[in-house]
Amino acid sequence: MIVGTANSSIDNLAFYQKLGFRMVEIKKDFFKNYPEPIFENGIRALDMVMFEKDL
């Protein structure tokens, strides 16, 4: 299974790792050109962090 979340989504990053997903790719600037900047936890969402887990 492959999932992705923003670099600013700290809770999601921890959640996926606790479930055994491994970070496999970072899609740099994925969110950079959104019409409005996205901020979570005081961090701007810029990159998409991809996780993978064999089921």
Protein backbone atom coordinates (compact mmCIF):
# COMPACT_ATOMS: atom_id res chain seq x y z
CA MET A 1 0.00 0.00 0.00
CA ILE A 2 1.25 3.48 -0.82
CA VAL A 3 0.11 6.62 0.99
CA GLY A 4 1.21 10.24 0.97
CA THR A 5 0.91 13.13 3.37
CA ALA A 6 2.27 16.65 3.71
CA ASN A 7 5.57 17.36 5.44
CA SER A 8 3.61 19.56 7.86
CA SER A 9 1.20 16.80 8.93
CA ILE A 10 3.17 15.72 11.98
CA ASP A 11 0.39 13.55 13.41
CA ASN A 12 -0.02 11.73 10.08
CA LEU A 13 3.74 11.19 9.75
CA ALA A 14 3.84 9.56 13.19
CA PHE A 15 0.65 7.56 12.57
CA TYR A 16 1.89 5.90 9.39
CA GLN A 17 5.25 5.04 10.93
CA LYS A 18 3.59 3.52 14.00
CA LEU A 19 1.62 1.27 11.62
CA GLY A 20 4.84 0.05 10.02
CA PHE A 21 4.89 2.19 6.88
CA ARG A 22 8.34 3.19 5.61
CA MET A 23 9.21 6.52 4.03
CA VAL A 24 10.15 5.87 0.39
CA GLU A 25 10.03 9.20 -1.42
CA ILE A 26 9.66 12.94 -0.97
CA LYS A 27 7.92 14.85 -3.76
CA LYS A 28 9.51 18.25 -3.31
CA ASP A 29 7.33 21.35 -3.73
CA PHE A 30 4.19 19.26 -4.33
CA PHE A 31 2.02 21.81 -2.47
CA LYS A 32 4.05 24.93 -3.35
CA ASN A 33 1.77 26.19 -6.14
CA TYR A 34 -1.57 25.65 -4.42
CA PRO A 35 -3.78 28.77 -4.70
CA GLU A 36 -3.50 29.36 -0.93
CA PRO A 37 -0.56 28.21 1.22
CA ILE A 38 -1.40 25.41 3.65
CA PHE A 39 -0.07 25.62 7.20
CA GLU A 40 -0.30 22.91 9.86
CA ASN A 41 1.41 23.00 13.24
CA GLY A 42 3.02 26.30 12.22
CA ILE A 43 4.75 24.58 9.28
CA ARG A 44 4.02 25.33 5.63
CA ALA A 45 3.04 22.27 3.61
CA LEU A 46 5.46 22.15 0.69
CA ASP A 47 6.48 18.53 0.17
CA MET A 48 4.52 15.29 -0.16
CA VAL A 49 6.03 12.49 1.93
CA MET A 50 5.31 9.06 0.46
CA PHE A 51 5.09 5.93 2.61
CA GLU A 52 4.86 2.28 1.61
CA LYS A 53 3.92 -0.94 3.38
CA ASP A 54 3.52 -4.49 2.12
CA LEU A 55 0.19 -5.93 3.22
